[in-house]
Amino acid sequence: MTDLPRAVRITEEGPREGFQIAPEPLQTADKIALIDALSATGVARLQVASFVSPKRVPGWADADAVVAGIAPRPGVAFTALWFNPQGLARALAFRDRLSVYGSITVAASEAFSRRNLNRDRAGQIAAMRENVAGHLAAGVPVNRVSVQAAFGCNFAGDIAPAQAVAAVADAMALAAETGCTIERISLADSMGWANPLLVERVVGEVRTRWPGQAVSLHLHDTRGLGIANALAGLRLGVADFDAAVGGTGGCPFAGHAGAPGNIATEELVMLCEEMGIATGIDIDALIAAGHLAERILGRTLPSALLRGGSLTGFRAKARAA
């Protein structure tokens, strides 16, 4: 076990994750309101939109209008998601307000790659080669490797740690070929197959192969183990996580409609702060943003903390008693 990190960086992905699977169209103004509320909580990175095909992800048909409407906030890096040159071009149009960087995205499961990206392993590497070239030509750094389905797949079943390592190796080889300096390897539990022991094994094997490389975790709470998996990551010294306010979101191509999405940001913040790990995030402001998300989405979100509240008020009452 590695020493716990003193601080973590949490990327808030609730808007991008949550709005992409909303069953009914949402008002652009409501999306902007939630993003503005989240940017005031102390999060350092906030993923605000997906520049993707509205035919495949209709919930983000208004991505350009949303990004144009959000209020810039000093100290907050706004990011977005895209998968092709058209998406990159749309992101570059907002370079004055977005943190634009490139990723080499691969999948440990070829079945999921076909389902989510419409490409097999070889096809995805070829597409990423073109993707990297396009980013570099536009002066956009490619500094991240992202591995989807790194812990298991609803379509392919169990994913051995060696398969996750092989996917990382594909991406790192492409990075070396194209002269990209990778700053972070993101391991995504896209469909909620991870458990704490598996997190230890996969993170451990990735670090053994690429010692010193920063690792981040993108965990889904599909089957209720999300926070347990985050704790396993913290105990390994992982200091970079993705999360979504209220536990909203979920991949629309994962084959389990209605399942919880990412781990709830407020639950991850509480876990860290109670363990003495700084997040820089105001948990009560985050809970308020979670309730706003529920009103906008029109449903109860899975976060337990939205029901139980933080310990801030209880501690204040105890001190005053």
C-alpha atoms as a PDB file:
ATOM      1  CA  MET A   1       0.000   0.000   0.000  1.00  0.00           C
ATOM      2  CA  THR A   2       1.280   3.474  -0.923  1.00  0.00           C
ATOM      3  CA  ASP A   3       0.874   6.441   1.415  1.00  0.00           C
ATOM      4  CA  LEU A   4      -2.412   8.283   0.944  1.00  0.00           C
ATOM      5  CA  PRO A   5      -2.118  11.426  -1.181  1.00  0.00           C
ATOM      6  CA  ARG A   6      -2.249  14.711   0.686  1.00  0.00           C
ATOM      7  CA  ALA A   7      -4.557  16.192  -1.937  1.00  0.00           C
ATOM      8  CA  VAL A   8      -6.511  14.974  -4.943  1.00  0.00           C
ATOM      9  CA  ARG A   9      -7.687  16.599  -8.147  1.00  0.00           C
ATOM     10  CA  ILE A  10     -11.266  15.775  -9.063  1.00  0.00           C
ATOM     11  CA  THR A  11     -12.576  16.397 -12.571  1.00  0.00           C
ATOM     12  CA  GLU A  12     -16.305  17.062 -12.371  1.00  0.00           C
ATOM     13  CA  GLU A  13     -18.034  15.358 -15.308  1.00  0.00           C
ATOM     14  CA  GLY A  14     -21.646  15.574 -14.178  1.00  0.00           C
ATOM     15  CA  PRO A  15     -22.879  17.900 -16.938  1.00  0.00           C
ATOM     16  CA  ARG A  16     -21.291  15.948 -19.770  1.00  0.00           C
ATOM     17  CA  GLU A  17     -22.176  12.561 -18.301  1.00  0.00           C
ATOM     18  CA  GLY A  18     -25.662  13.428 -17.078  1.00  0.00           C
ATOM     19  CA  PHE A  19     -27.025  15.423 -19.975  1.00  0.00           C
ATOM     20  CA  GLN A  20     -25.935  12.842 -22.556  1.00  0.00           C
ATOM     21  CA  ILE A  21     -28.402  10.246 -21.299  1.00  0.00           C
ATOM     22  CA  ALA A  22     -31.352  12.418 -20.298  1.00  0.00           C
ATOM     23  CA  PRO A  23     -34.442  10.752 -21.824  1.00  0.00           C
ATOM     24  CA  GLU A  24     -36.032  14.092 -22.729  1.00  0.00           C
ATOM     25  CA  PRO A  25     -34.438  17.215 -24.225  1.00  0.00           C
ATOM     26  CA  LEU A  26     -33.240  19.681 -21.589  1.00  0.00           C
ATOM     27  CA  GLN A  27     -33.220  23.445 -21.793  1.00  0.00           C
ATOM     28  CA  THR A  28     -29.848  24.911 -22.721  1.00  0.00           C
ATOM     29  CA  ALA A  29     -30.279  27.533 -19.988  1.00  0.00           C
ATOM     30  CA  ASP A  30     -30.712  24.797 -17.377  1.00  0.00           C
ATOM     31  CA  LYS A  31     -27.506  23.097 -18.494  1.00  0.00           C
ATOM     32  CA  ILE A  32     -25.649  26.399 -18.200  1.00  0.00           C
ATOM     33  CA  ALA A  33     -27.143  27.023 -14.744  1.00  0.00           C
ATOM     34  CA  LEU A  34     -25.831  23.704 -13.424  1.00  0.00           C
ATOM     35  CA  ILE A  35     -22.381  24.258 -14.918  1.00  0.00           C
ATOM     36  CA  ASP A  36     -22.201  27.727 -13.354  1.00  0.00           C
ATOM     37  CA  ALA A  37     -23.264  26.313  -9.976  1.00  0.00           C
ATOM     38  CA  LEU A  38     -20.626  23.586 -10.164  1.00  0.00           C
ATOM     39  CA  SER A  39     -17.888  26.012 -11.168  1.00  0.00           C
ATOM     40  CA  ALA A  40     -18.544  27.888  -7.906  1.00  0.00           C
ATOM     41  CA  THR A  41     -17.918  24.843  -5.692  1.00  0.00           C
ATOM     42  CA  GLY A  42     -14.123  24.853  -5.943  1.00  0.00           C
ATOM     43  CA  VAL A  43     -13.695  22.140  -8.580  1.00  0.00           C
ATOM     44  CA  ALA A  44     -10.523  22.719 -10.567  1.00  0.00           C
ATOM     45  CA  ARG A  45     -11.624  20.931 -13.742  1.00  0.00           C
ATOM     46  CA  LEU A  46     -15.142  20.759 -15.123  1.00  0.00           C
ATOM     47  CA  GLN A  47     -16.150  18.833 -18.247  1.00  0.00           C
ATOM     48  CA  VAL A  48     -18.996  20.819 -19.706  1.00  0.00           C
ATOM     49  CA  ALA A  49     -19.977  19.324 -23.073  1.00  0.00           C
ATOM     50  CA  SER A  50     -19.552  16.665 -25.745  1.00  0.00           C
ATOM     51  CA  PHE A  51     -18.874  17.774 -29.314  1.00  0.00           C
ATOM     52  CA  VAL A  52     -20.327  14.638 -30.846  1.00  0.00           C
ATOM     53  CA  SER A  53     -22.904  13.673 -33.438  1.00  0.00           C
ATOM     54  CA  PRO A  54     -26.412  14.713 -32.334  1.00  0.00           C
ATOM     55  CA  LYS A  55     -27.723  11.577 -34.042  1.00  0.00           C
ATOM     56  CA  ARG A  56     -25.750   9.347 -31.662  1.00  0.00           C
ATOM     57  CA  VAL A  57     -25.931  11.592 -28.593  1.00  0.00           C
ATOM     58  CA  PRO A  58     -28.960  13.892 -28.997  1.00  0.00           C
ATOM     59  CA  GLY A  59     -28.548  15.210 -25.455  1.00  0.00           C
ATOM     60  CA  TRP A  60     -25.574  17.221 -26.662  1.00  0.00           C
ATOM     61  CA  ALA A  61     -27.048  18.713 -29.817  1.00  0.00           C
ATOM     62  CA  ASP A  62     -26.691  22.150 -28.158  1.00  0.00           C
ATOM     63  CA  ALA A  63     -23.048  21.754 -27.062  1.00  0.00           C
ATOM     64  CA  ASP A  64     -21.896  24.931 -28.844  1.00  0.00           C
ATOM     65  CA  ALA A  65     -24.635  27.037 -27.263  1.00  0.00           C
ATOM     66  CA  VAL A  66     -23.886  25.659 -23.807  1.00  0.00           C
ATOM     67  CA  VAL A  67     -20.174  26.381 -24.007  1.00  0.00           C
ATOM     68  CA  ALA A  68     -20.869  29.864 -25.376  1.00  0.00           C
ATOM     69  CA  GLY A  69     -23.197  30.583 -22.463  1.00  0.00           C
ATOM     70  CA  ILE A  70     -21.235  29.432 -19.413  1.00  0.00           C
ATOM     71  CA  ALA A  71     -19.651  32.042 -17.176  1.00  0.00           C
ATOM     72  CA  PRO A  72     -15.838  31.856 -17.128  1.00  0.00           C
ATOM     73  CA  ARG A  73     -14.433  31.477 -13.625  1.00  0.00           C
ATOM     74  CA  PRO A  74     -10.789  32.052 -12.653  1.00  0.00           C
ATOM     75  CA  GLY A  75      -9.089  28.885 -11.454  1.00  0.00           C
ATOM     76  CA  VAL A  76     -11.527  26.526 -13.202  1.00  0.00           C
ATOM     77  CA  ALA A  77     -10.434  24.696 -16.342  1.00  0.00           C
ATOM     78  CA  PHE A  78     -13.450  23.929 -18.534  1.00  0.00           C
ATOM     79  CA  THR A  79     -13.006  20.880 -20.759  1.00  0.00           C
ATOM     80  CA  ALA A  80     -15.062  19.033 -23.362  1.00  0.00           C
ATOM     81  CA  LEU A  81     -15.115  15.683 -25.126  1.00  0.00           C
ATOM     82  CA  TRP A  82     -14.811  14.860 -28.832  1.00  0.00           C
ATOM     83  CA  PHE A  83     -13.771  11.889 -30.963  1.00  0.00           C
ATOM     84  CA  ASN A  84     -13.129  13.170 -34.484  1.00  0.00           C
ATOM     85  CA  PRO A  85     -11.835  16.159 -36.500  1.00  0.00           C
ATOM     86  CA  GLN A  86     -15.270  17.734 -36.617  1.00  0.00           C
ATOM     87  CA  GLY A  87     -15.464  17.671 -32.828  1.00  0.00           C
ATOM     88  CA  LEU A  88     -11.969  19.114 -32.510  1.00  0.00           C
ATOM     89  CA  ALA A  89     -12.865  21.965 -34.855  1.00  0.00           C
ATOM     90  CA  ARG A  90     -15.891  22.793 -32.712  1.00  0.00           C
ATOM     91  CA  ALA A  91     -13.763  22.756 -29.544  1.00  0.00           C
ATOM     92  CA  LEU A  92     -11.116  24.996 -31.117  1.00  0.00           C
ATOM     93  CA  ALA A  93     -13.788  27.584 -31.811  1.00  0.00           C
ATOM     94  CA  PHE A  94     -14.000  27.999 -28.024  1.00  0.00           C
ATOM     95  CA  ARG A  95     -10.298  27.914 -27.265  1.00  0.00           C
ATOM     96  CA  ASP A  96     -10.678  31.218 -25.425  1.00  0.00           C
ATOM     97  CA  ARG A  97     -12.791  29.501 -22.764  1.00  0.00           C
ATOM     98  CA  LEU A  98     -11.972  25.799 -23.002  1.00  0.00           C
ATOM     99  CA  SER A  99      -8.852  23.915 -21.951  1.00  0.00           C
ATOM    100  CA  VAL A 100      -8.238  22.041 -25.207  1.00  0.00           C
ATOM    101  CA  TYR A 101      -5.981  18.985 -25.155  1.00  0.00           C
ATOM    102  CA  GLY A 102      -5.929  15.661 -26.931  1.00  0.00           C
ATOM    103  CA  SER A 103      -6.195  12.081 -25.735  1.00  0.00           C
ATOM    104  CA  ILE A 104      -5.288   8.759 -27.263  1.00  0.00           C
ATOM    105  CA  THR A 105      -8.396   6.723 -26.505  1.00  0.00           C
ATOM    106  CA  VAL A 106      -8.376   2.942 -26.684  1.00  0.00           C
ATOM    107  CA  ALA A 107     -10.428   0.134 -25.182  1.00  0.00           C
ATOM    108  CA  ALA A 108      -9.335  -2.981 -23.339  1.00  0.00           C
ATOM    109  CA  SER A 109     -12.431  -4.672 -24.798  1.00  0.00           C
ATOM    110  CA  GLU A 110     -12.689  -4.887 -28.568  1.00  0.00           C
ATOM    111  CA  ALA A 111     -16.408  -5.610 -28.226  1.00  0.00           C
ATOM    112  CA  PHE A 112     -16.906  -2.311 -26.425  1.00  0.00           C
ATOM    113  CA  SER A 113     -14.703  -0.500 -28.942  1.00  0.00           C
ATOM    114  CA  ARG A 114     -16.987  -1.701 -31.722  1.00  0.00           C
ATOM    115  CA  ARG A 115     -20.083  -0.728 -29.753  1.00  0.00           C
ATOM    116  CA  ASN A 116     -18.888   2.677 -28.529  1.00  0.00           C
ATOM    117  CA  LEU A 117     -16.484   3.797 -31.246  1.00  0.00           C
ATOM    118  CA  ASN A 118     -17.611   1.708 -34.253  1.00  0.00           C
ATOM    119  CA  ARG A 119     -14.064   0.411 -34.723  1.00  0.00           C
ATOM    120  CA  ASP A 120     -12.053  -2.688 -33.862  1.00  0.00           C
ATOM    121  CA  ARG A 121      -8.674  -2.463 -32.127  1.00  0.00           C
ATOM    122  CA  ALA A 122      -6.668  -1.941 -35.312  1.00  0.00           C
ATOM    123  CA  GLY A 123      -9.204   0.515 -36.655  1.00  0.00           C
ATOM    124  CA  GLN A 124      -9.118   2.530 -33.456  1.00  0.00           C
ATOM    125  CA  ILE A 125      -5.325   2.799 -33.515  1.00  0.00           C
ATOM    126  CA  ALA A 126      -5.493   3.973 -37.136  1.00  0.00           C
ATOM    127  CA  ALA A 127      -8.161   6.513 -36.197  1.00  0.00           C
ATOM    128  CA  MET A 128      -6.103   7.710 -33.235  1.00  0.00           C
ATOM    129  CA  ARG A 129      -3.056   8.148 -35.482  1.00  0.00           C
ATOM    130  CA  GLU A 130      -5.084  10.509 -37.653  1.00  0.00           C
ATOM    131  CA  ASN A 131      -6.554  12.115 -34.544  1.00  0.00           C
ATOM    132  CA  VAL A 132      -3.120  12.836 -33.086  1.00  0.00           C
ATOM    133  CA  ALA A 133      -1.903  14.290 -36.371  1.00  0.00           C
ATOM    134  CA  GLY A 134      -4.905  16.596 -36.510  1.00  0.00           C
ATOM    135  CA  HIS A 135      -4.379  17.796 -32.948  1.00  0.00           C
ATOM    136  CA  LEU A 136      -0.687  18.437 -33.402  1.00  0.00           C
ATOM    137  CA  ALA A 137      -1.312  20.276 -36.672  1.00  0.00           C
ATOM    138  CA  ALA A 138      -3.706  22.557 -34.775  1.00  0.00           C
ATOM    139  CA  GLY A 139      -1.148  23.151 -32.026  1.00  0.00           C
ATOM    140  CA  VAL A 140      -3.114  21.092 -29.498  1.00  0.00           C
ATOM    141  CA  PRO A 141      -1.019  18.900 -27.166  1.00  0.00           C
ATOM    142  CA  VAL A 142      -1.877  15.216 -26.895  1.00  0.00           C
ATOM    143  CA  ASN A 143      -0.910  14.353 -23.343  1.00  0.00           C
ATOM    144  CA  ARG A 144      -3.323  11.732 -22.065  1.00  0.00           C
ATOM    145  CA  VAL A 145      -3.990   8.055 -22.645  1.00  0.00           C
ATOM    146  CA  SER A 146      -7.539   6.917 -21.891  1.00  0.00           C
ATOM    147  CA  VAL A 147      -8.413   3.220 -21.626  1.00  0.00           C
ATOM    148  CA  GLN A 148     -12.101   2.370 -21.723  1.00  0.00           C
ATOM    149  CA  ALA A 149     -13.489  -0.866 -20.244  1.00  0.00           C
ATOM    150  CA  ALA A 150     -10.226  -1.346 -18.356  1.00  0.00           C
ATOM    151  CA  PHE A 151     -11.803  -3.561 -15.677  1.00  0.00           C
ATOM    152  CA  GLY A 152     -14.555  -5.489 -17.461  1.00  0.00           C
ATOM    153  CA  CYS A 153     -17.153  -5.347 -20.198  1.00  0.00           C
ATOM    154  CA  ASN A 154     -20.861  -6.112 -20.448  1.00  0.00           C
ATOM    155  CA  PHE A 155     -20.270  -7.523 -23.927  1.00  0.00           C
ATOM    156  CA  ALA A 156     -16.903  -9.312 -23.573  1.00  0.00           C
ATOM    157  CA  GLY A 157     -17.056 -10.273 -19.909  1.00  0.00           C
ATOM    158  CA  ASP A 158     -14.055 -10.209 -17.591  1.00  0.00           C
ATOM    159  CA  ILE A 159     -11.069  -8.181 -18.734  1.00  0.00           C
ATOM    160  CA  ALA A 160      -7.744  -9.485 -17.464  1.00  0.00           C
ATOM    161  CA  PRO A 161      -5.225  -6.895 -16.219  1.00  0.00           C
ATOM    162  CA  ALA A 162      -2.954  -7.991 -19.073  1.00  0.00           C
ATOM    163  CA  GLN A 163      -5.611  -6.816 -21.559  1.00  0.00           C
ATOM    164  CA  ALA A 164      -5.717  -3.384 -19.936  1.00  0.00           C
ATOM    165  CA  VAL A 165      -1.923  -3.227 -20.027  1.00  0.00           C
ATOM    166  CA  ALA A 166      -1.947  -4.237 -23.711  1.00  0.00           C
ATOM    167  CA  ALA A 167      -4.382  -1.412 -24.485  1.00  0.00           C
ATOM    168  CA  VAL A 168      -2.153   1.085 -22.674  1.00  0.00           C
ATOM    169  CA  ALA A 169       0.835  -0.295 -24.605  1.00  0.00           C
ATOM    170  CA  ASP A 170      -0.957   0.323 -27.918  1.00  0.00           C
ATOM    171  CA  ALA A 171      -1.578   3.940 -26.942  1.00  0.00           C
ATOM    172  CA  MET A 172       1.894   4.546 -25.513  1.00  0.00           C
ATOM    173  CA  ALA A 173       3.485   3.122 -28.670  1.00  0.00           C
ATOM    174  CA  LEU A 174       1.421   5.541 -30.754  1.00  0.00           C
ATOM    175  CA  ALA A 175       2.455   8.396 -28.464  1.00  0.00           C
ATOM    176  CA  ALA A 176       6.132   7.496 -28.933  1.00  0.00           C
ATOM    177  CA  GLU A 177       5.671   7.178 -32.691  1.00  0.00           C
ATOM    178  CA  THR A 178       4.135  10.652 -32.928  1.00  0.00           C
ATOM    179  CA  GLY A 179       6.360  12.393 -30.386  1.00  0.00           C
ATOM    180  CA  CYS A 180       3.647  13.004 -27.784  1.00  0.00           C
ATOM    181  CA  THR A 181       4.542  13.329 -24.111  1.00  0.00           C
ATOM    182  CA  ILE A 182       1.938  11.515 -22.023  1.00  0.00           C
ATOM    183  CA  GLU A 183       1.243  13.060 -18.640  1.00  0.00           C
ATOM    184  CA  ARG A 184      -1.540  10.793 -17.438  1.00  0.00           C
ATOM    185  CA  ILE A 185      -2.962   7.325 -18.033  1.00  0.00           C
ATOM    186  CA  SER A 186      -6.703   7.240 -17.324  1.00  0.00           C
ATOM    187  CA  LEU A 187      -8.214   3.853 -16.522  1.00  0.00           C
ATOM    188  CA  ALA A 188     -11.990   3.790 -16.948  1.00  0.00           C
ATOM    189  CA  ASP A 189     -14.389   1.319 -15.372  1.00  0.00           C
ATOM    190  CA  SER A 190     -16.867   2.141 -18.126  1.00  0.00           C
ATOM    191  CA  MET A 191     -19.459  -0.471 -17.160  1.00  0.00           C
ATOM    192  CA  GLY A 192     -18.949  -0.966 -13.444  1.00  0.00           C
ATOM    193  CA  TRP A 193     -17.008  -4.254 -13.334  1.00  0.00           C
ATOM    194  CA  ALA A 194     -14.216  -3.153 -11.005  1.00  0.00           C
ATOM    195  CA  ASN A 195     -13.703  -4.236  -7.422  1.00  0.00           C
ATOM    196  CA  PRO A 196     -11.001  -3.037  -4.993  1.00  0.00           C
ATOM    197  CA  LEU A 197      -8.725  -6.031  -5.586  1.00  0.00           C
ATOM    198  CA  LEU A 198      -9.009  -5.649  -9.349  1.00  0.00           C
ATOM    199  CA  VAL A 199      -8.224  -1.929  -9.052  1.00  0.00           C
ATOM    200  CA  GLU A 200      -5.074  -2.837  -7.131  1.00  0.00           C
ATOM    201  CA  ARG A 201      -4.059  -5.389  -9.761  1.00  0.00           C
ATOM    202  CA  VAL A 202      -4.680  -3.234 -12.824  1.00  0.00           C
ATOM    203  CA  VAL A 203      -3.166  -0.053 -11.391  1.00  0.00           C
ATOM    204  CA  GLY A 204      -0.246  -2.080 -10.052  1.00  0.00           C
ATOM    205  CA  GLU A 205       0.500  -3.718 -13.397  1.00  0.00           C
ATOM    206  CA  VAL A 206       0.226  -0.429 -15.277  1.00  0.00           C
ATOM    207  CA  ARG A 207       2.623   1.210 -12.843  1.00  0.00           C
ATOM    208  CA  THR A 208       5.033  -1.716 -13.067  1.00  0.00           C
ATOM    209  CA  ARG A 209       5.159  -1.317 -16.847  1.00  0.00           C
ATOM    210  CA  TRP A 210       5.292   2.508 -16.760  1.00  0.00           C
ATOM    211  CA  PRO A 211       6.807   3.471 -13.400  1.00  0.00           C
ATOM    212  CA  GLY A 212       6.442   7.102 -12.515  1.00  0.00           C
ATOM    213  CA  GLN A 213       3.566   7.673 -14.935  1.00  0.00           C
ATOM    214  CA  ALA A 214       0.588   9.415 -13.320  1.00  0.00           C
ATOM    215  CA  VAL A 215      -2.560   7.271 -13.226  1.00  0.00           C
ATOM    216  CA  SER A 216      -6.119   8.537 -12.892  1.00  0.00           C
ATOM    217  CA  LEU A 217      -9.340   6.623 -12.335  1.00  0.00           C
ATOM    218  CA  HIS A 218     -12.721   7.071 -14.008  1.00  0.00           C
ATOM    219  CA  LEU A 219     -15.027   4.902 -11.906  1.00  0.00           C
ATOM    220  CA  HIS A 220     -18.690   4.076 -12.388  1.00  0.00           C
ATOM    221  CA  ASP A 221     -20.945   3.061  -9.519  1.00  0.00           C
ATOM    222  CA  THR A 222     -23.053   0.728 -11.661  1.00  0.00           C
ATOM    223  CA  ARG A 223     -23.027  -2.066  -9.097  1.00  0.00           C
ATOM    224  CA  GLY A 224     -22.424  -0.111  -5.899  1.00  0.00           C
ATOM    225  CA  LEU A 225     -18.656  -0.552  -5.593  1.00  0.00           C
ATOM    226  CA  GLY A 226     -17.601   2.846  -6.908  1.00  0.00           C
ATOM    227  CA  ILE A 227     -16.533   4.450  -3.626  1.00  0.00           C
ATOM    228  CA  ALA A 228     -14.884   1.234  -2.443  1.00  0.00           C
ATOM    229  CA  ASN A 229     -12.885   1.257  -5.678  1.00  0.00           C
ATOM    230  CA  ALA A 230     -11.978   4.918  -5.144  1.00  0.00           C
ATOM    231  CA  LEU A 231     -10.710   4.056  -1.665  1.00  0.00           C
ATOM    232  CA  ALA A 232      -8.559   1.311  -3.170  1.00  0.00           C
ATOM    233  CA  GLY A 233      -7.163   3.890  -5.574  1.00  0.00           C
ATOM    234  CA  LEU A 234      -6.450   6.355  -2.779  1.00  0.00           C
ATOM    235  CA  ARG A 235      -4.589   3.675  -0.846  1.00  0.00           C
ATOM    236  CA  LEU A 236      -2.449   3.165  -3.936  1.00  0.00           C
ATOM    237  CA  GLY A 237      -1.651   6.880  -3.976  1.00  0.00           C
ATOM    238  CA  VAL A 238      -3.881   7.735  -6.935  1.00  0.00           C
ATOM    239  CA  ALA A 239      -4.525  11.471  -6.735  1.00  0.00           C
ATOM    240  CA  ASP A 240      -6.605  12.109  -9.846  1.00  0.00           C
ATOM    241  CA  PHE A 241     -10.246  11.055 -10.227  1.00  0.00           C
ATOM    242  CA  ASP A 242     -13.241  11.739 -12.432  1.00  0.00           C
ATOM    243  CA  ALA A 243     -16.636  12.013 -10.749  1.00  0.00           C
ATOM    244  CA  ALA A 244     -20.143  13.296 -11.439  1.00  0.00           C
ATOM    245  CA  VAL A 245     -22.341  15.341  -9.152  1.00  0.00           C
ATOM    246  CA  GLY A 246     -25.139  13.231  -7.689  1.00  0.00           C
ATOM    247  CA  GLY A 247     -23.783  10.116  -9.378  1.00  0.00           C
ATOM    248  CA  THR A 248     -25.449  11.154 -12.601  1.00  0.00           C
ATOM    249  CA  GLY A 249     -24.502   9.928 -16.026  1.00  0.00           C
ATOM    250  CA  GLY A 250     -23.673   6.604 -17.571  1.00  0.00           C
ATOM    251  CA  CYS A 251     -22.463   5.521 -20.983  1.00  0.00           C
ATOM    252  CA  PRO A 252     -25.332   5.340 -23.521  1.00  0.00           C
ATOM    253  CA  PHE A 253     -23.564   2.453 -25.295  1.00  0.00           C
ATOM    254  CA  ALA A 254     -22.879   0.289 -22.219  1.00  0.00           C
ATOM    255  CA  GLY A 255     -26.029  -1.814 -22.377  1.00  0.00           C
ATOM    256  CA  HIS A 256     -27.525  -1.075 -18.981  1.00  0.00           C
ATOM    257  CA  ALA A 257     -30.027   1.767 -19.214  1.00  0.00           C
ATOM    258  CA  GLY A 258     -30.943   3.360 -15.890  1.00  0.00           C
ATOM    259  CA  ALA A 259     -27.848   2.233 -14.001  1.00  0.00           C
ATOM    260  CA  PRO A 260     -25.962   4.769 -11.851  1.00  0.00           C
ATOM    261  CA  GLY A 261     -23.247   6.703 -13.604  1.00  0.00           C
ATOM    262  CA  ASN A 262     -19.917   7.919 -12.266  1.00  0.00           C
ATOM    263  CA  ILE A 263     -19.158   7.890  -8.583  1.00  0.00           C
ATOM    264  CA  ALA A 264     -20.890  10.842  -6.938  1.00  0.00           C
ATOM    265  CA  THR A 265     -18.519  13.769  -6.595  1.00  0.00           C
ATOM    266  CA  GLU A 266     -19.870  14.756  -3.190  1.00  0.00           C
ATOM    267  CA  GLU A 267     -19.379  11.218  -1.851  1.00  0.00           C
ATOM    268  CA  LEU A 268     -15.798  11.162  -3.128  1.00  0.00           C
ATOM    269  CA  VAL A 269     -15.165  14.600  -1.619  1.00  0.00           C
ATOM    270  CA  MET A 270     -16.528  13.475   1.747  1.00  0.00           C
ATOM    271  CA  LEU A 271     -14.434  10.287   1.670  1.00  0.00           C
ATOM    272  CA  CYS A 272     -11.285  12.284   0.971  1.00  0.00           C
ATOM    273  CA  GLU A 273     -11.911  15.113   3.413  1.00  0.00           C
ATOM    274  CA  GLU A 274     -12.842  12.721   6.250  1.00  0.00           C
ATOM    275  CA  MET A 275      -9.528  10.951   5.642  1.00  0.00           C
ATOM    276  CA  GLY A 276      -7.571  14.202   5.742  1.00  0.00           C
ATOM    277  CA  ILE A 277      -7.089  14.414   1.957  1.00  0.00           C
ATOM    278  CA  ALA A 278      -7.665  17.906   0.614  1.00  0.00           C
ATOM    279  CA  THR A 279      -9.976  18.438  -2.379  1.00  0.00           C
ATOM    280  CA  GLY A 280     -10.440  22.220  -2.386  1.00  0.00           C
ATOM    281  CA  ILE A 281     -14.182  21.678  -2.903  1.00  0.00           C
ATOM    282  CA  ASP A 282     -17.006  23.088  -0.760  1.00  0.00           C
ATOM    283  CA  ILE A 283     -19.047  19.975  -0.052  1.00  0.00           C
ATOM    284  CA  ASP A 284     -22.225  21.832   0.935  1.00  0.00           C
ATOM    285  CA  ALA A 285     -22.138  23.927  -2.236  1.00  0.00           C
ATOM    286  CA  LEU A 286     -21.632  20.699  -4.163  1.00  0.00           C
ATOM    287  CA  ILE A 287     -24.642  19.078  -2.477  1.00  0.00           C
ATOM    288  CA  ALA A 288     -26.725  22.135  -3.401  1.00  0.00           C
ATOM    289  CA  ALA A 289     -25.577  21.721  -7.014  1.00  0.00           C
ATOM    290  CA  GLY A 290     -26.604  18.067  -6.794  1.00  0.00           C
ATOM    291  CA  HIS A 291     -30.141  19.041  -5.808  1.00  0.00           C
ATOM    292  CA  LEU A 292     -30.205  21.491  -8.712  1.00  0.00           C
ATOM    293  CA  ALA A 293     -29.174  18.645 -11.014  1.00  0.00           C
ATOM    294  CA  GLU A 294     -32.078  16.568  -9.706  1.00  0.00           C
ATOM    295  CA  ARG A 295     -34.534  19.366 -10.450  1.00  0.00           C
ATOM    296  CA  ILE A 296     -33.158  19.861 -13.968  1.00  0.00           C
ATOM    297  CA  LEU A 297     -33.076  16.142 -14.770  1.00  0.00           C
ATOM    298  CA  GLY A 298     -36.434  15.533 -13.130  1.00  0.00           C
ATOM    299  CA  ARG A 299     -35.361  12.495 -11.157  1.00  0.00           C
ATOM    300  CA  THR A 300     -33.777  11.411  -7.898  1.00  0.00           C
ATOM    301  CA  LEU A 301     -30.056  10.832  -8.317  1.00  0.00           C
ATOM    302  CA  PRO A 302     -28.341   7.854  -6.673  1.00  0.00           C
ATOM    303  CA  SER A 303     -26.042   9.781  -4.325  1.00  0.00           C
ATOM    304  CA  ALA A 304     -26.649   8.881  -0.677  1.00  0.00           C
ATOM    305  CA  LEU A 305     -25.142  12.192   0.395  1.00  0.00           C
ATOM    306  CA  LEU A 306     -27.915  14.125  -1.346  1.00  0.00           C
ATOM    307  CA  ARG A 307     -30.277  12.433   1.095  1.00  0.00           C
ATOM    308  CA  GLY A 308     -28.121  12.374   4.247  1.00  0.00           C
ATOM    309  CA  GLY A 309     -26.300  15.684   3.843  1.00  0.00           C
ATOM    310  CA  SER A 310     -22.775  16.486   4.955  1.00  0.00           C
ATOM    311  CA  LEU A 311     -21.478  16.485   8.522  1.00  0.00           C
ATOM    312  CA  THR A 312     -20.814  20.246   8.501  1.00  0.00           C
ATOM    313  CA  GLY A 313     -24.027  21.274  10.208  1.00  0.00           C
ATOM    314  CA  PHE A 314     -23.979  18.412  12.694  1.00  0.00           C
ATOM    315  CA  ARG A 315     -20.443  19.252  13.752  1.00  0.00           C
ATOM    316  CA  ALA A 316     -21.388  22.922  14.206  1.00  0.00           C
ATOM    317  CA  LYS A 317     -24.340  21.948  16.420  1.00  0.00           C
ATOM    318  CA  ALA A 318     -22.169  19.599  18.438  1.00  0.00           C
ATOM    319  CA  ARG A 319     -19.584  22.325  19.043  1.00  0.00           C
ATOM    320  CA  ALA A 320     -22.303  24.781  20.085  1.00  0.00           C
ATOM    321  CA  ALA A 321     -23.964  22.325  22.485  1.00  0.00           C
END
